[in-house]
Amino acid sequence: MLIDADLFLGQIRRLTPEARSGLLHVATRGDCTTPTCPNCDDKMIERTAAKGANAGSKFWGCRNFPRCKRTFRAAG
């Protein structure tokens, strides 16, 4: 069932502070800041390149390395 956004926000505003806090806890559960490997569907690990042209730079690497070699450049 779809409801109007203003109606939905109004219902949230009518909740007690405790209920709103509980809702926020459920809505933000989990780790939304760590990328997920698109190949393995597993959270990645922040690593530091040890050698090569990018030595010392941070990147996200798959937990399943060396089986999965998917990486992302870390923000910064």
N, C-alpha and C. Protein backbone atom coordinates (compact mmCIF):
# COMPACT_ATOMS: atom_id res chain seq x y z
N MET A 1 0.84 -1.18 0.00
CA MET A 1 0.00 0.00 0.00
C MET A 1 0.89 1.24 0.00
N LEU A 2 0.61 2.15 -0.86
CA LEU A 2 1.33 3.42 -0.92
C LEU A 2 0.55 4.50 -0.20
N ILE A 3 1.28 5.37 0.52
CA ILE A 3 0.62 6.52 1.14
C ILE A 3 1.38 7.78 0.75
N ASP A 4 0.71 8.89 0.87
CA ASP A 4 1.27 10.19 0.56
C ASP A 4 2.44 10.49 1.51
N ALA A 5 3.50 11.10 1.00
CA ALA A 5 4.69 11.40 1.81
C ALA A 5 4.35 12.31 2.98
N ASP A 6 3.53 13.33 2.76
CA ASP A 6 3.16 14.24 3.86
C ASP A 6 2.39 13.50 4.95
N LEU A 7 1.51 12.60 4.55
CA LEU A 7 0.77 11.79 5.52
C LEU A 7 1.72 10.90 6.31
N PHE A 8 2.65 10.28 5.61
CA PHE A 8 3.63 9.40 6.26
C PHE A 8 4.47 10.17 7.27
N LEU A 9 5.01 11.32 6.86
CA LEU A 9 5.83 12.12 7.77
C LEU A 9 5.01 12.63 8.95
N GLY A 10 3.75 12.96 8.71
CA GLY A 10 2.87 13.39 9.79
C GLY A 10 2.67 12.29 10.82
N GLN A 11 2.53 11.06 10.35
CA GLN A 11 2.38 9.93 11.26
C GLN A 11 3.64 9.72 12.09
N ILE A 12 4.79 9.91 11.49
CA ILE A 12 6.05 9.78 12.23
C ILE A 12 6.17 10.88 13.28
N ARG A 13 5.78 12.10 12.91
CA ARG A 13 5.86 13.23 13.86
C ARG A 13 4.95 13.03 15.06
N ARG A 14 3.86 12.29 14.90
CA ARG A 14 2.93 12.04 16.01
C ARG A 14 3.43 10.97 16.97
N LEU A 15 4.47 10.24 16.62
CA LEU A 15 5.01 9.21 17.51
C LEU A 15 5.68 9.84 18.72
N THR A 16 5.75 9.09 19.79
CA THR A 16 6.49 9.56 20.97
C THR A 16 7.97 9.59 20.63
N PRO A 17 8.76 10.39 21.35
CA PRO A 17 10.20 10.41 21.10
C PRO A 17 10.83 9.01 21.19
N GLU A 18 10.36 8.20 22.11
CA GLU A 18 10.90 6.84 22.26
C GLU A 18 10.58 6.00 21.03
N ALA A 19 9.36 6.11 20.53
CA ALA A 19 8.96 5.35 19.35
C ALA A 19 9.74 5.82 18.12
N ARG A 20 9.95 7.14 17.99
CA ARG A 20 10.73 7.65 16.87
C ARG A 20 12.17 7.16 16.94
N SER A 21 12.74 7.13 18.15
CA SER A 21 14.10 6.63 18.32
C SER A 21 14.19 5.16 17.91
N GLY A 22 13.19 4.36 18.30
CA GLY A 22 13.16 2.95 17.91
C GLY A 22 13.04 2.77 16.41
N LEU A 23 12.23 3.60 15.78
CA LEU A 23 12.07 3.56 14.32
C LEU A 23 13.38 3.92 13.63
N LEU A 24 14.06 4.95 14.13
CA LEU A 24 15.35 5.35 13.57
C LEU A 24 16.37 4.22 13.70
N HIS A 25 16.36 3.54 14.84
CA HIS A 25 17.29 2.42 15.05
C HIS A 25 17.06 1.31 14.01
N VAL A 26 15.81 0.99 13.75
CA VAL A 26 15.49 -0.05 12.77
C VAL A 26 15.85 0.41 11.36
N ALA A 27 15.55 1.66 11.03
CA ALA A 27 15.78 2.18 9.68
C ALA A 27 17.27 2.29 9.34
N THR A 28 18.11 2.47 10.35
CA THR A 28 19.55 2.64 10.09
C THR A 28 20.36 1.43 10.53
N ARG A 29 19.70 0.31 10.75
CA ARG A 29 20.39 -0.91 11.18
C ARG A 29 21.33 -1.39 10.08
N GLY A 30 22.46 -1.90 10.48
CA GLY A 30 23.42 -2.42 9.52
C GLY A 30 24.50 -1.41 9.19
N ASP A 31 25.41 -1.82 8.39
CA ASP A 31 26.54 -0.99 8.00
C ASP A 31 26.30 -0.45 6.60
N CYS A 32 25.96 0.81 6.54
CA CYS A 32 25.67 1.45 5.25
C CYS A 32 26.88 2.21 4.71
N THR A 33 27.98 2.22 5.45
CA THR A 33 29.15 2.99 5.02
C THR A 33 30.23 2.13 4.39
N THR A 34 30.14 0.82 4.54
CA THR A 34 31.13 -0.08 3.96
C THR A 34 30.57 -0.66 2.66
N PRO A 35 31.31 -0.52 1.55
CA PRO A 35 30.79 -1.06 0.29
C PRO A 35 30.63 -2.57 0.33
N THR A 36 29.71 -3.04 -0.47
CA THR A 36 29.48 -4.47 -0.63
C THR A 36 30.03 -4.90 -1.98
N CYS A 37 30.75 -6.01 -2.01
CA CYS A 37 31.32 -6.52 -3.25
C CYS A 37 30.19 -6.92 -4.20
N PRO A 38 30.17 -6.37 -5.41
CA PRO A 38 29.11 -6.72 -6.35
C PRO A 38 29.21 -8.16 -6.86
N ASN A 39 30.39 -8.77 -6.73
CA ASN A 39 30.56 -10.16 -7.17
C ASN A 39 30.12 -11.15 -6.10
N CYS A 40 30.49 -10.87 -4.84
CA CYS A 40 30.28 -11.84 -3.76
C CYS A 40 29.14 -11.48 -2.81
N ASP A 41 28.65 -10.25 -2.88
CA ASP A 41 27.60 -9.77 -1.98
C ASP A 41 28.04 -9.85 -0.52
N ASP A 42 29.31 -9.56 -0.26
CA ASP A 42 29.88 -9.57 1.07
C ASP A 42 30.52 -8.21 1.32
N LYS A 43 30.56 -7.75 2.57
CA LYS A 43 31.18 -6.46 2.89
C LYS A 43 32.67 -6.50 2.56
N MET A 44 33.19 -5.38 2.07
CA MET A 44 34.59 -5.29 1.69
C MET A 44 35.41 -4.82 2.89
N ILE A 45 36.72 -4.89 2.77
CA ILE A 45 37.65 -4.50 3.82
C ILE A 45 38.50 -3.35 3.31
N GLU A 46 38.71 -2.32 4.16
CA GLU A 46 39.59 -1.23 3.76
C GLU A 46 41.03 -1.71 3.91
N ARG A 47 41.79 -1.54 2.85
CA ARG A 47 43.18 -2.00 2.82
C ARG A 47 44.08 -0.85 2.37
N THR A 48 45.39 -1.05 2.54
CA THR A 48 46.39 -0.09 2.08
C THR A 48 47.30 -0.79 1.10
N ALA A 49 47.47 -0.19 -0.07
CA ALA A 49 48.35 -0.77 -1.09
C ALA A 49 49.79 -0.80 -0.54
N ALA A 50 50.43 -1.95 -0.66
CA ALA A 50 51.78 -2.12 -0.11
C ALA A 50 52.87 -1.82 -1.13
N LYS A 51 52.56 -1.96 -2.40
CA LYS A 51 53.59 -1.75 -3.41
C LYS A 51 52.98 -1.25 -4.70
N GLY A 52 53.80 -0.93 -5.65
CA GLY A 52 53.33 -0.46 -6.95
C GLY A 52 53.12 1.05 -6.97
N ALA A 53 52.54 1.52 -8.04
CA ALA A 53 52.35 2.96 -8.24
C ALA A 53 51.43 3.58 -7.19
N ASN A 54 50.55 2.77 -6.61
CA ASN A 54 49.60 3.28 -5.61
C ASN A 54 49.99 2.95 -4.18
N ALA A 55 51.24 2.59 -3.93
CA ALA A 55 51.69 2.22 -2.59
C ALA A 55 51.32 3.29 -1.58
N GLY A 56 50.76 2.85 -0.46
CA GLY A 56 50.35 3.76 0.60
C GLY A 56 48.93 4.27 0.48
N SER A 57 48.30 4.10 -0.67
CA SER A 57 46.92 4.59 -0.84
C SER A 57 45.92 3.55 -0.32
N LYS A 58 44.79 4.06 0.14
CA LYS A 58 43.73 3.20 0.70
C LYS A 58 42.81 2.73 -0.42
N PHE A 59 42.28 1.53 -0.27
CA PHE A 59 41.28 1.01 -1.21
C PHE A 59 40.43 -0.01 -0.48
N TRP A 60 39.26 -0.30 -1.06
CA TRP A 60 38.39 -1.35 -0.54
C TRP A 60 38.67 -2.62 -1.34
N GLY A 61 38.90 -3.71 -0.63
CA GLY A 61 39.15 -5.00 -1.27
C GLY A 61 38.17 -6.04 -0.77
N CYS A 62 37.82 -6.98 -1.62
CA CYS A 62 36.88 -8.03 -1.26
C CYS A 62 37.47 -8.92 -0.16
N ARG A 63 36.63 -9.33 0.77
CA ARG A 63 37.05 -10.25 1.84
C ARG A 63 37.48 -11.61 1.28
N ASN A 64 37.00 -11.94 0.11
CA ASN A 64 37.27 -13.25 -0.47
C ASN A 64 38.52 -13.28 -1.34
N PHE A 65 39.37 -12.26 -1.22
CA PHE A 65 40.64 -12.26 -1.96
C PHE A 65 41.46 -13.46 -1.48
N PRO A 66 42.11 -14.21 -2.31
CA PRO A 66 42.43 -13.99 -3.72
C PRO A 66 41.40 -14.58 -4.69
N ARG A 67 40.38 -15.26 -4.18
CA ARG A 67 39.38 -15.83 -5.08
C ARG A 67 38.65 -14.72 -5.85
N CYS A 68 38.34 -13.62 -5.16
CA CYS A 68 37.70 -12.47 -5.79
C CYS A 68 38.64 -11.29 -5.68
N LYS A 69 38.94 -10.66 -6.77
CA LYS A 69 39.91 -9.56 -6.78
C LYS A 69 39.25 -8.19 -6.99
N ARG A 70 37.96 -8.09 -6.71
CA ARG A 70 37.23 -6.84 -6.91
C ARG A 70 37.72 -5.79 -5.92
N THR A 71 37.97 -4.57 -6.38
CA THR A 71 38.41 -3.46 -5.51
C THR A 71 37.68 -2.19 -5.89
N PHE A 72 37.67 -1.24 -4.96
CA PHE A 72 37.18 0.11 -5.18
C PHE A 72 38.17 1.08 -4.56
N ARG A 73 38.35 2.21 -5.18
CA ARG A 73 39.19 3.25 -4.59
C ARG A 73 38.46 3.83 -3.39
N ALA A 74 39.16 3.99 -2.28
CA ALA A 74 38.55 4.57 -1.08
C ALA A 74 38.41 6.08 -1.27
N ALA A 75 37.37 6.64 -0.67
CA ALA A 75 37.15 8.09 -0.75
C ALA A 75 38.26 8.82 -0.01
N GLY A 76 38.57 9.99 -0.49
CA GLY A 76 39.55 10.78 0.27
C GLY A 76 40.51 11.50 -0.58
